[in-house]
């Protein structure tokens, strides 16, 4: 069972296995139709497409962030449509660095499905390593997904607010340092970060070729940030609950399991002017 990352050769050897489900998660925040168009142009043979807005996000209320989580019922239905059921190994991929694929990875784990991995290096590495793609849209046989949320995998906005004075908690912001500081915010109306949060930009998990760094290297970097605290004391957030999942994947790849996701993230937090905002560099 693959539970964090998988390399192209290992995936290629299982493409004809009916118990393996491959999901293309490519997406462009500036052109929301681009991912599906790219999928139609060429994808890993047998892969199905999952759209960040339609398949991996729930309904927006105006106060719950840009990519709120779907309800458990919606996740079961959507995973079933993708052919994901008990006993299926899922492999998610995107263009290269895994940020959108990591969202599906985390959602499946949150719903109790551990047999899910992200293709390390994405479609770019798949092609670079000489593996074929094909165009069009793949047929999918629906499955019955049965899973329950793991409540200890996420926290709510109320829990984040209540824990602001908890010195044992590590609140980690996965956005770029500029957005963390509150400089040049382009996606949300308010710039800055949640008070007390430290910054670990999600791109720090990957090397120049967009593959994840070694478990040993990542473990060193994350343990430096944790400063002796346990992984289950970490609460991860980003702009809308997407790139934070790449940080969670990086920690899991490093053998540091147990960190939680604040799915609403900055786009939810900053909607309420009563919630405190900090700007500037790390504390």
C-alpha atoms as a PDB file:
ATOM      1  CA  UNK A   1       0.000   0.000   0.000  1.00  0.00           C
ATOM      2  CA  UNK A   2       1.330   3.426  -0.988  1.00  0.00           C
ATOM      3  CA  UNK A   3       0.363   6.081   1.545  1.00  0.00           C
ATOM      4  CA  UNK A   4       2.466   9.172   0.831  1.00  0.00           C
ATOM      5  CA  UNK A   5       4.378   9.315  -2.480  1.00  0.00           C
ATOM      6  CA  UNK A   6       4.803   6.997  -5.450  1.00  0.00           C
ATOM      7  CA  UNK A   7       7.298   7.156  -8.322  1.00  0.00           C
ATOM      8  CA  UNK A   8       6.317   6.909 -12.009  1.00  0.00           C
ATOM      9  CA  UNK A   9       7.825   3.452 -12.533  1.00  0.00           C
ATOM     10  CA  UNK A  10       5.817   1.966  -9.676  1.00  0.00           C
ATOM     11  CA  UNK A  11       2.613   3.516 -10.973  1.00  0.00           C
ATOM     12  CA  UNK A  12       3.321   2.389 -14.547  1.00  0.00           C
ATOM     13  CA  UNK A  13       3.616  -1.211 -13.390  1.00  0.00           C
ATOM     14  CA  UNK A  14       0.059  -1.077 -12.006  1.00  0.00           C
ATOM     15  CA  UNK A  15      -1.839   0.794 -14.727  1.00  0.00           C
ATOM     16  CA  UNK A  16      -3.712  -2.353 -15.754  1.00  0.00           C
ATOM     17  CA  UNK A  17      -4.653  -3.245 -12.176  1.00  0.00           C
ATOM     18  CA  UNK A  18      -8.432  -2.706 -11.739  1.00  0.00           C
ATOM     19  CA  UNK A  19      -7.869  -2.106  -8.035  1.00  0.00           C
ATOM     20  CA  UNK A  20      -5.819   1.007  -8.760  1.00  0.00           C
ATOM     21  CA  UNK A  21      -7.515   4.370  -9.387  1.00  0.00           C
ATOM     22  CA  UNK A  22      -5.558   7.262 -10.879  1.00  0.00           C
ATOM     23  CA  UNK A  23      -6.897  10.799 -10.491  1.00  0.00           C
ATOM     24  CA  UNK A  24      -5.695  13.856 -12.401  1.00  0.00           C
ATOM     25  CA  UNK A  25      -5.964  16.943 -10.156  1.00  0.00           C
ATOM     26  CA  UNK A  26      -4.354  19.580 -12.365  1.00  0.00           C
ATOM     27  CA  UNK A  27      -5.739  23.053 -11.742  1.00  0.00           C
ATOM     28  CA  UNK A  28      -4.949  26.709 -12.387  1.00  0.00           C
ATOM     29  CA  UNK A  29      -6.243  29.271  -9.882  1.00  0.00           C
ATOM     30  CA  UNK A  30      -6.194  31.952 -12.596  1.00  0.00           C
ATOM     31  CA  UNK A  31      -7.964  29.835 -15.252  1.00  0.00           C
ATOM     32  CA  UNK A  32     -10.355  27.380 -13.628  1.00  0.00           C
ATOM     33  CA  UNK A  33     -11.121  25.536 -16.875  1.00  0.00           C
ATOM     34  CA  UNK A  34      -7.480  24.920 -17.763  1.00  0.00           C
ATOM     35  CA  UNK A  35      -6.994  21.718 -15.748  1.00  0.00           C
ATOM     36  CA  UNK A  36      -9.841  19.857 -17.421  1.00  0.00           C
ATOM     37  CA  UNK A  37      -8.680  21.060 -20.845  1.00  0.00           C
ATOM     38  CA  UNK A  38      -5.159  19.838 -20.106  1.00  0.00           C
ATOM     39  CA  UNK A  39      -6.599  16.495 -19.009  1.00  0.00           C
ATOM     40  CA  UNK A  40      -8.497  16.164 -22.316  1.00  0.00           C
ATOM     41  CA  UNK A  41      -5.323  16.988 -24.244  1.00  0.00           C
ATOM     42  CA  UNK A  42      -3.257  14.341 -22.495  1.00  0.00           C
ATOM     43  CA  UNK A  43      -3.240  12.440 -19.215  1.00  0.00           C
ATOM     44  CA  UNK A  44      -1.901   9.258 -17.642  1.00  0.00           C
ATOM     45  CA  UNK A  45      -3.785   6.348 -19.269  1.00  0.00           C
ATOM     46  CA  UNK A  46      -6.829   5.384 -17.241  1.00  0.00           C
ATOM     47  CA  UNK A  47      -6.839   8.542 -15.130  1.00  0.00           C
ATOM     48  CA  UNK A  48     -10.047  10.337 -14.186  1.00  0.00           C
ATOM     49  CA  UNK A  49     -10.254  14.071 -13.567  1.00  0.00           C
ATOM     50  CA  UNK A  50     -11.098  15.823 -10.283  1.00  0.00           C
ATOM     51  CA  UNK A  51     -11.785  19.569 -10.396  1.00  0.00           C
ATOM     52  CA  UNK A  52     -10.669  21.547  -7.338  1.00  0.00           C
ATOM     53  CA  UNK A  53     -13.805  23.706  -7.235  1.00  0.00           C
ATOM     54  CA  UNK A  54     -16.426  21.146  -8.237  1.00  0.00           C
ATOM     55  CA  UNK A  55     -15.049  17.881  -6.846  1.00  0.00           C
ATOM     56  CA  UNK A  56     -12.654  18.776  -4.037  1.00  0.00           C
ATOM     57  CA  UNK A  57     -14.498  21.752  -2.518  1.00  0.00           C
ATOM     58  CA  UNK A  58     -17.903  22.383  -0.985  1.00  0.00           C
ATOM     59  CA  UNK A  59     -20.338  25.255  -1.327  1.00  0.00           C
ATOM     60  CA  UNK A  60     -19.102  28.722  -0.425  1.00  0.00           C
ATOM     61  CA  UNK A  61     -21.147  30.851   1.950  1.00  0.00           C
ATOM     62  CA  UNK A  62     -19.046  33.991   1.755  1.00  0.00           C
ATOM     63  CA  UNK A  63     -17.576  33.363   5.197  1.00  0.00           C
ATOM     64  CA  UNK A  64     -16.192  29.802   4.996  1.00  0.00           C
ATOM     65  CA  UNK A  65     -13.233  30.422   2.674  1.00  0.00           C
ATOM     66  CA  UNK A  66     -12.419  29.993  -0.993  1.00  0.00           C
ATOM     67  CA  UNK A  67     -12.207  26.191  -0.981  1.00  0.00           C
ATOM     68  CA  UNK A  68     -14.322  24.890   1.915  1.00  0.00           C
ATOM     69  CA  UNK A  69     -14.383  21.166   2.497  1.00  0.00           C
ATOM     70  CA  UNK A  70     -17.356  19.253   1.096  1.00  0.00           C
ATOM     71  CA  UNK A  71     -19.562  17.531   3.637  1.00  0.00           C
ATOM     72  CA  UNK A  72     -18.775  13.874   4.434  1.00  0.00           C
ATOM     73  CA  UNK A  73     -21.840  12.868   2.394  1.00  0.00           C
ATOM     74  CA  UNK A  74     -20.605  14.874  -0.591  1.00  0.00           C
ATOM     75  CA  UNK A  75     -17.120  13.382  -0.301  1.00  0.00           C
ATOM     76  CA  UNK A  76     -18.486   9.845  -0.258  1.00  0.00           C
ATOM     77  CA  UNK A  77     -20.558  10.553  -3.356  1.00  0.00           C
ATOM     78  CA  UNK A  78     -17.722  12.254  -5.239  1.00  0.00           C
ATOM     79  CA  UNK A  79     -15.124   9.637  -4.364  1.00  0.00           C
ATOM     80  CA  UNK A  80     -17.566   6.937  -5.472  1.00  0.00           C
ATOM     81  CA  UNK A  81     -18.015   8.715  -8.827  1.00  0.00           C
ATOM     82  CA  UNK A  82     -14.254   8.561  -9.290  1.00  0.00           C
ATOM     83  CA  UNK A  83     -14.354   4.789  -8.779  1.00  0.00           C
ATOM     84  CA  UNK A  84     -12.823   4.894  -5.319  1.00  0.00           C
ATOM     85  CA  UNK A  85     -14.028   2.187  -2.965  1.00  0.00           C
ATOM     86  CA  UNK A  86     -12.707  -0.188  -0.344  1.00  0.00           C
ATOM     87  CA  UNK A  87      -9.535  -2.007  -1.351  1.00  0.00           C
ATOM     88  CA  UNK A  88      -8.596   0.524  -4.036  1.00  0.00           C
ATOM     89  CA  UNK A  89      -5.156   2.065  -4.229  1.00  0.00           C
ATOM     90  CA  UNK A  90      -5.539   5.690  -5.276  1.00  0.00           C
ATOM     91  CA  UNK A  91      -2.803   7.709  -6.970  1.00  0.00           C
ATOM     92  CA  UNK A  92      -3.366  11.455  -7.356  1.00  0.00           C
ATOM     93  CA  UNK A  93      -1.234  13.695  -9.532  1.00  0.00           C
ATOM     94  CA  UNK A  94      -1.105  17.218 -10.868  1.00  0.00           C
ATOM     95  CA  UNK A  95       1.280  19.129 -13.123  1.00  0.00           C
ATOM     96  CA  UNK A  96       4.403  18.730 -11.006  1.00  0.00           C
ATOM     97  CA  UNK A  97       4.747  19.781  -7.348  1.00  0.00           C
ATOM     98  CA  UNK A  98       1.697  17.989  -5.952  1.00  0.00           C
ATOM     99  CA  UNK A  99      -0.190  20.850  -4.283  1.00  0.00           C
ATOM    100  CA  UNK A 100      -3.579  20.043  -5.821  1.00  0.00           C
ATOM    101  CA  UNK A 101      -3.053  16.277  -5.672  1.00  0.00           C
ATOM    102  CA  UNK A 102      -2.224  16.652  -1.978  1.00  0.00           C
ATOM    103  CA  UNK A 103      -5.697  18.097  -1.383  1.00  0.00           C
ATOM    104  CA  UNK A 104      -7.288  14.833  -2.604  1.00  0.00           C
ATOM    105  CA  UNK A 105      -4.657  12.854  -0.663  1.00  0.00           C
ATOM    106  CA  UNK A 106      -5.612  14.604   2.570  1.00  0.00           C
ATOM    107  CA  UNK A 107      -9.370  14.389   1.957  1.00  0.00           C
ATOM    108  CA  UNK A 108      -9.231  10.639   1.423  1.00  0.00           C
ATOM    109  CA  UNK A 109      -7.140  10.133   4.540  1.00  0.00           C
ATOM    110  CA  UNK A 110      -9.511  12.373   6.483  1.00  0.00           C
ATOM    111  CA  UNK A 111     -12.349  10.074   5.400  1.00  0.00           C
ATOM    112  CA  UNK A 112     -10.472   6.962   6.517  1.00  0.00           C
ATOM    113  CA  UNK A 113      -8.969   5.820   3.195  1.00  0.00           C
ATOM    114  CA  UNK A 114      -5.222   5.386   3.757  1.00  0.00           C
ATOM    115  CA  UNK A 115      -4.336   3.715   0.435  1.00  0.00           C
ATOM    116  CA  UNK A 116      -3.673   6.981  -1.377  1.00  0.00           C
ATOM    117  CA  UNK A 117      -0.418   8.448  -2.655  1.00  0.00           C
ATOM    118  CA  UNK A 118       0.700  11.436  -4.694  1.00  0.00           C
ATOM    119  CA  UNK A 119       2.742  10.898  -7.852  1.00  0.00           C
ATOM    120  CA  UNK A 120       6.084  12.446  -6.966  1.00  0.00           C
ATOM    121  CA  UNK A 121       6.938  15.048  -9.601  1.00  0.00           C
ATOM    122  CA  UNK A 122       3.506  14.852 -11.200  1.00  0.00           C
ATOM    123  CA  UNK A 123       2.776  14.559 -14.895  1.00  0.00           C
ATOM    124  CA  UNK A 124       5.967  16.448 -15.752  1.00  0.00           C
ATOM    125  CA  UNK A 125       8.099  13.685 -14.249  1.00  0.00           C
ATOM    126  CA  UNK A 126       5.868  10.981 -15.741  1.00  0.00           C
ATOM    127  CA  UNK A 127       6.556  12.371 -19.222  1.00  0.00           C
ATOM    128  CA  UNK A 128      10.195  13.117 -18.432  1.00  0.00           C
ATOM    129  CA  UNK A 129      10.705   9.468 -17.466  1.00  0.00           C
ATOM    130  CA  UNK A 130       9.372   8.330 -20.837  1.00  0.00           C
ATOM    131  CA  UNK A 131       5.856   7.168 -19.954  1.00  0.00           C
ATOM    132  CA  UNK A 132       2.961   7.592 -22.365  1.00  0.00           C
ATOM    133  CA  UNK A 133      -0.108   9.803 -22.107  1.00  0.00           C
ATOM    134  CA  UNK A 134      -3.373   9.790 -24.005  1.00  0.00           C
ATOM    135  CA  UNK A 135      -6.140  12.275 -24.687  1.00  0.00           C
ATOM    136  CA  UNK A 136      -9.900  12.243 -24.327  1.00  0.00           C
ATOM    137  CA  UNK A 137     -12.014  11.377 -21.310  1.00  0.00           C
ATOM    138  CA  UNK A 138     -11.819   8.009 -19.566  1.00  0.00           C
ATOM    139  CA  UNK A 139     -14.830   5.924 -18.599  1.00  0.00           C
ATOM    140  CA  UNK A 140     -15.122   5.199 -14.896  1.00  0.00           C
ATOM    141  CA  UNK A 141     -17.046   2.456 -13.141  1.00  0.00           C
ATOM    142  CA  UNK A 142     -18.654   4.041 -10.044  1.00  0.00           C
ATOM    143  CA  UNK A 143     -17.888   2.496  -6.674  1.00  0.00           C
ATOM    144  CA  UNK A 144     -19.385   2.704  -3.219  1.00  0.00           C
ATOM    145  CA  UNK A 145     -17.178   4.725  -0.932  1.00  0.00           C
ATOM    146  CA  UNK A 146     -17.748   4.013   2.747  1.00  0.00           C
ATOM    147  CA  UNK A 147     -15.763   6.174   5.103  1.00  0.00           C
ATOM    148  CA  UNK A 148     -16.125   8.323   8.187  1.00  0.00           C
ATOM    149  CA  UNK A 149     -14.315  11.547   9.049  1.00  0.00           C
ATOM    150  CA  UNK A 150     -11.399  11.384  11.427  1.00  0.00           C
ATOM    151  CA  UNK A 151     -12.186  14.258  13.786  1.00  0.00           C
ATOM    152  CA  UNK A 152      -8.607  14.485  15.034  1.00  0.00           C
ATOM    153  CA  UNK A 153      -7.374  15.290  11.502  1.00  0.00           C
ATOM    154  CA  UNK A 154      -8.766  18.831  11.335  1.00  0.00           C
ATOM    155  CA  UNK A 155      -9.645  21.827  13.458  1.00  0.00           C
ATOM    156  CA  UNK A 156     -12.371  24.439  13.068  1.00  0.00           C
ATOM    157  CA  UNK A 157     -12.004  28.201  13.072  1.00  0.00           C
ATOM    158  CA  UNK A 158     -13.435  28.268  16.588  1.00  0.00           C
ATOM    159  CA  UNK A 159     -10.776  25.825  17.773  1.00  0.00           C
ATOM    160  CA  UNK A 160      -8.012  27.863  16.162  1.00  0.00           C
ATOM    161  CA  UNK A 161      -9.308  31.013  17.876  1.00  0.00           C
ATOM    162  CA  UNK A 162      -9.620  29.274  21.233  1.00  0.00           C
ATOM    163  CA  UNK A 163      -6.040  27.986  21.007  1.00  0.00           C
ATOM    164  CA  UNK A 164      -4.277  31.248  20.196  1.00  0.00           C
ATOM    165  CA  UNK A 165      -2.727  31.376  23.674  1.00  0.00           C
ATOM    166  CA  UNK A 166      -1.704  27.690  23.702  1.00  0.00           C
ATOM    167  CA  UNK A 167       2.116  27.683  23.757  1.00  0.00           C
ATOM    168  CA  UNK A 168       2.173  23.946  23.018  1.00  0.00           C
ATOM    169  CA  UNK A 169       0.421  24.338  19.679  1.00  0.00           C
ATOM    170  CA  UNK A 170       2.382  25.093  16.510  1.00  0.00           C
ATOM    171  CA  UNK A 171       0.316  27.037  13.990  1.00  0.00           C
ATOM    172  CA  UNK A 172       2.027  26.835  10.579  1.00  0.00           C
ATOM    173  CA  UNK A 173       1.215  29.062   7.599  1.00  0.00           C
ATOM    174  CA  UNK A 174       2.047  27.368   4.259  1.00  0.00           C
ATOM    175  CA  UNK A 175       1.825  30.480   2.083  1.00  0.00           C
ATOM    176  CA  UNK A 176       4.752  32.420   0.666  1.00  0.00           C
ATOM    177  CA  UNK A 177       6.633  34.576   3.139  1.00  0.00           C
ATOM    178  CA  UNK A 178       5.376  37.707   1.384  1.00  0.00           C
ATOM    179  CA  UNK A 179       1.733  36.741   1.888  1.00  0.00           C
ATOM    180  CA  UNK A 180       2.468  35.579   5.427  1.00  0.00           C
ATOM    181  CA  UNK A 181       3.931  39.008   6.234  1.00  0.00           C
ATOM    182  CA  UNK A 182       0.926  40.706   4.642  1.00  0.00           C
ATOM    183  CA  UNK A 183       2.828  42.109   1.661  1.00  0.00           C
ATOM    184  CA  UNK A 184       1.288  41.989  -1.802  1.00  0.00           C
ATOM    185  CA  UNK A 185      -1.821  39.998  -0.917  1.00  0.00           C
ATOM    186  CA  UNK A 186      -3.628  39.201  -4.181  1.00  0.00           C
ATOM    187  CA  UNK A 187      -6.157  36.488  -3.340  1.00  0.00           C
ATOM    188  CA  UNK A 188      -7.812  37.629  -0.114  1.00  0.00           C
ATOM    189  CA  UNK A 189      -9.168  41.001   0.964  1.00  0.00           C
ATOM    190  CA  UNK A 190      -6.969  41.209   4.071  1.00  0.00           C
ATOM    191  CA  UNK A 191      -3.227  40.604   4.252  1.00  0.00           C
ATOM    192  CA  UNK A 192      -1.300  39.068   7.133  1.00  0.00           C
ATOM    193  CA  UNK A 193      -1.422  35.889   9.187  1.00  0.00           C
ATOM    194  CA  UNK A 194      -3.030  34.369  12.244  1.00  0.00           C
ATOM    195  CA  UNK A 195      -1.252  35.681  15.363  1.00  0.00           C
ATOM    196  CA  UNK A 196       1.390  33.302  16.655  1.00  0.00           C
ATOM    197  CA  UNK A 197       1.733  31.400  13.375  1.00  0.00           C
ATOM    198  CA  UNK A 198       5.126  30.559  11.937  1.00  0.00           C
ATOM    199  CA  UNK A 199       5.827  30.327   8.227  1.00  0.00           C
ATOM    200  CA  UNK A 200       6.877  27.235   6.254  1.00  0.00           C
ATOM    201  CA  UNK A 201       6.294  27.916   2.559  1.00  0.00           C
ATOM    202  CA  UNK A 202       4.946  24.760   0.900  1.00  0.00           C
ATOM    203  CA  UNK A 203       7.567  24.976  -1.863  1.00  0.00           C
ATOM    204  CA  UNK A 204      10.237  24.217   0.738  1.00  0.00           C
ATOM    205  CA  UNK A 205       9.074  20.576   0.602  1.00  0.00           C
ATOM    206  CA  UNK A 206      10.223  20.115  -2.999  1.00  0.00           C
ATOM    207  CA  UNK A 207      13.514  20.278  -4.850  1.00  0.00           C
ATOM    208  CA  UNK A 208      14.194  22.246  -8.030  1.00  0.00           C
ATOM    209  CA  UNK A 209      12.750  19.450 -10.187  1.00  0.00           C
ATOM    210  CA  UNK A 210       9.454  19.632  -8.176  1.00  0.00           C
ATOM    211  CA  UNK A 211       9.949  16.223  -6.577  1.00  0.00           C
ATOM    212  CA  UNK A 212       9.802  16.000  -2.798  1.00  0.00           C
ATOM    213  CA  UNK A 213      13.023  16.221  -0.848  1.00  0.00           C
ATOM    214  CA  UNK A 214      14.247  13.096   0.910  1.00  0.00           C
ATOM    215  CA  UNK A 215      12.494  12.028   4.121  1.00  0.00           C
ATOM    216  CA  UNK A 216      15.714  12.683   6.077  1.00  0.00           C
ATOM    217  CA  UNK A 217      16.117  16.228   4.739  1.00  0.00           C
ATOM    218  CA  UNK A 218      12.474  17.086   5.338  1.00  0.00           C
ATOM    219  CA  UNK A 219      12.561  15.578   8.805  1.00  0.00           C
ATOM    220  CA  UNK A 220      15.494  17.840   9.687  1.00  0.00           C
ATOM    221  CA  UNK A 221      13.712  20.931   8.391  1.00  0.00           C
ATOM    222  CA  UNK A 222      10.405  20.174  10.062  1.00  0.00           C
ATOM    223  CA  UNK A 223      11.979  19.192  13.378  1.00  0.00           C
ATOM    224  CA  UNK A 224      13.833  22.494  13.396  1.00  0.00           C
ATOM    225  CA  UNK A 225      10.490  24.252  13.068  1.00  0.00           C
ATOM    226  CA  UNK A 226       8.797  22.055  15.692  1.00  0.00           C
ATOM    227  CA  UNK A 227      11.543  22.818  18.219  1.00  0.00           C
ATOM    228  CA  UNK A 228      10.874  19.700  20.269  1.00  0.00           C
ATOM    229  CA  UNK A 229       7.093  19.683  19.954  1.00  0.00           C
ATOM    230  CA  UNK A 230       5.197  16.694  18.587  1.00  0.00           C
ATOM    231  CA  UNK A 231       3.644  16.511  15.091  1.00  0.00           C
ATOM    232  CA  UNK A 232       0.155  16.222  16.610  1.00  0.00           C
ATOM    233  CA  UNK A 233       0.655  19.680  18.112  1.00  0.00           C
ATOM    234  CA  UNK A 234       0.845  21.178  14.607  1.00  0.00           C
ATOM    235  CA  UNK A 235      -2.124  22.927  12.976  1.00  0.00           C
ATOM    236  CA  UNK A 236      -1.524  23.671   9.294  1.00  0.00           C
ATOM    237  CA  UNK A 237      -3.214  26.365   7.243  1.00  0.00           C
ATOM    238  CA  UNK A 238      -2.660  28.334   4.049  1.00  0.00           C
ATOM    239  CA  UNK A 239      -4.869  30.576   1.925  1.00  0.00           C
ATOM    240  CA  UNK A 240      -7.784  28.219   1.356  1.00  0.00           C
ATOM    241  CA  UNK A 241      -6.829  24.763   2.654  1.00  0.00           C
ATOM    242  CA  UNK A 242      -5.017  23.515  -0.464  1.00  0.00           C
ATOM    243  CA  UNK A 243      -1.269  24.168  -0.235  1.00  0.00           C
ATOM    244  CA  UNK A 244      -1.402  23.391   3.497  1.00  0.00           C
ATOM    245  CA  UNK A 245      -2.041  19.798   2.403  1.00  0.00           C
ATOM    246  CA  UNK A 246       1.338  19.796   0.630  1.00  0.00           C
ATOM    247  CA  UNK A 247       2.949  20.634   3.972  1.00  0.00           C
ATOM    248  CA  UNK A 248       1.005  17.818   5.623  1.00  0.00           C
ATOM    249  CA  UNK A 249       2.191  15.463   2.883  1.00  0.00           C
ATOM    250  CA  UNK A 250       5.768  16.646   3.374  1.00  0.00           C
ATOM    251  CA  UNK A 251       5.555  15.921   7.095  1.00  0.00           C
ATOM    252  CA  UNK A 252       4.043  12.485   6.488  1.00  0.00           C
ATOM    253  CA  UNK A 253       6.750  11.713   3.908  1.00  0.00           C
ATOM    254  CA  UNK A 254       9.278  12.597   6.620  1.00  0.00           C
ATOM    255  CA  UNK A 255       7.618  10.187   9.053  1.00  0.00           C
ATOM    256  CA  UNK A 256       6.047  12.983  11.111  1.00  0.00           C
ATOM    257  CA  UNK A 257       2.403  11.957  11.241  1.00  0.00           C
ATOM    258  CA  UNK A 258      -0.434  13.523  13.185  1.00  0.00           C
ATOM    259  CA  UNK A 259      -0.533  17.188  12.167  1.00  0.00           C
ATOM    260  CA  UNK A 260      -4.006  18.660  11.633  1.00  0.00           C
ATOM    261  CA  UNK A 261      -5.527  20.898   8.979  1.00  0.00           C
ATOM    262  CA  UNK A 262      -7.421  24.135   9.481  1.00  0.00           C
ATOM    263  CA  UNK A 263      -9.294  23.779   6.217  1.00  0.00           C
ATOM    264  CA  UNK A 264     -10.930  27.227   6.130  1.00  0.00           C
ATOM    265  CA  UNK A 265      -7.477  28.791   6.408  1.00  0.00           C
ATOM    266  CA  UNK A 266      -6.726  32.481   5.867  1.00  0.00           C
ATOM    267  CA  UNK A 267      -9.600  33.029   3.420  1.00  0.00           C
ATOM    268  CA  UNK A 268     -12.049  32.048   6.169  1.00  0.00           C
ATOM    269  CA  UNK A 269     -10.186  33.590   9.095  1.00  0.00           C
ATOM    270  CA  UNK A 270      -9.861  37.010   7.446  1.00  0.00           C
ATOM    271  CA  UNK A 271     -13.585  37.268   6.629  1.00  0.00           C
ATOM    272  CA  UNK A 272     -14.426  38.247  10.206  1.00  0.00           C
ATOM    273  CA  UNK A 273     -12.966  41.586  11.279  1.00  0.00           C
ATOM    274  CA  UNK A 274     -13.266  40.519  14.930  1.00  0.00           C
ATOM    275  CA  UNK A 275     -10.573  37.872  14.481  1.00  0.00           C
ATOM    276  CA  UNK A 276      -7.065  39.181  15.172  1.00  0.00           C
ATOM    277  CA  UNK A 277      -4.547  39.649  12.369  1.00  0.00           C
ATOM    278  CA  UNK A 278      -0.757  39.894  12.580  1.00  0.00           C
ATOM    279  CA  UNK A 279       1.652  41.253   9.975  1.00  0.00           C
ATOM    280  CA  UNK A 280       5.401  41.222   9.586  1.00  0.00           C
ATOM    281  CA  UNK A 281       8.045  38.542  10.033  1.00  0.00           C
ATOM    282  CA  UNK A 282       8.099  35.374  12.129  1.00  0.00           C
ATOM    283  CA  UNK A 283       7.842  35.786  15.874  1.00  0.00           C
END
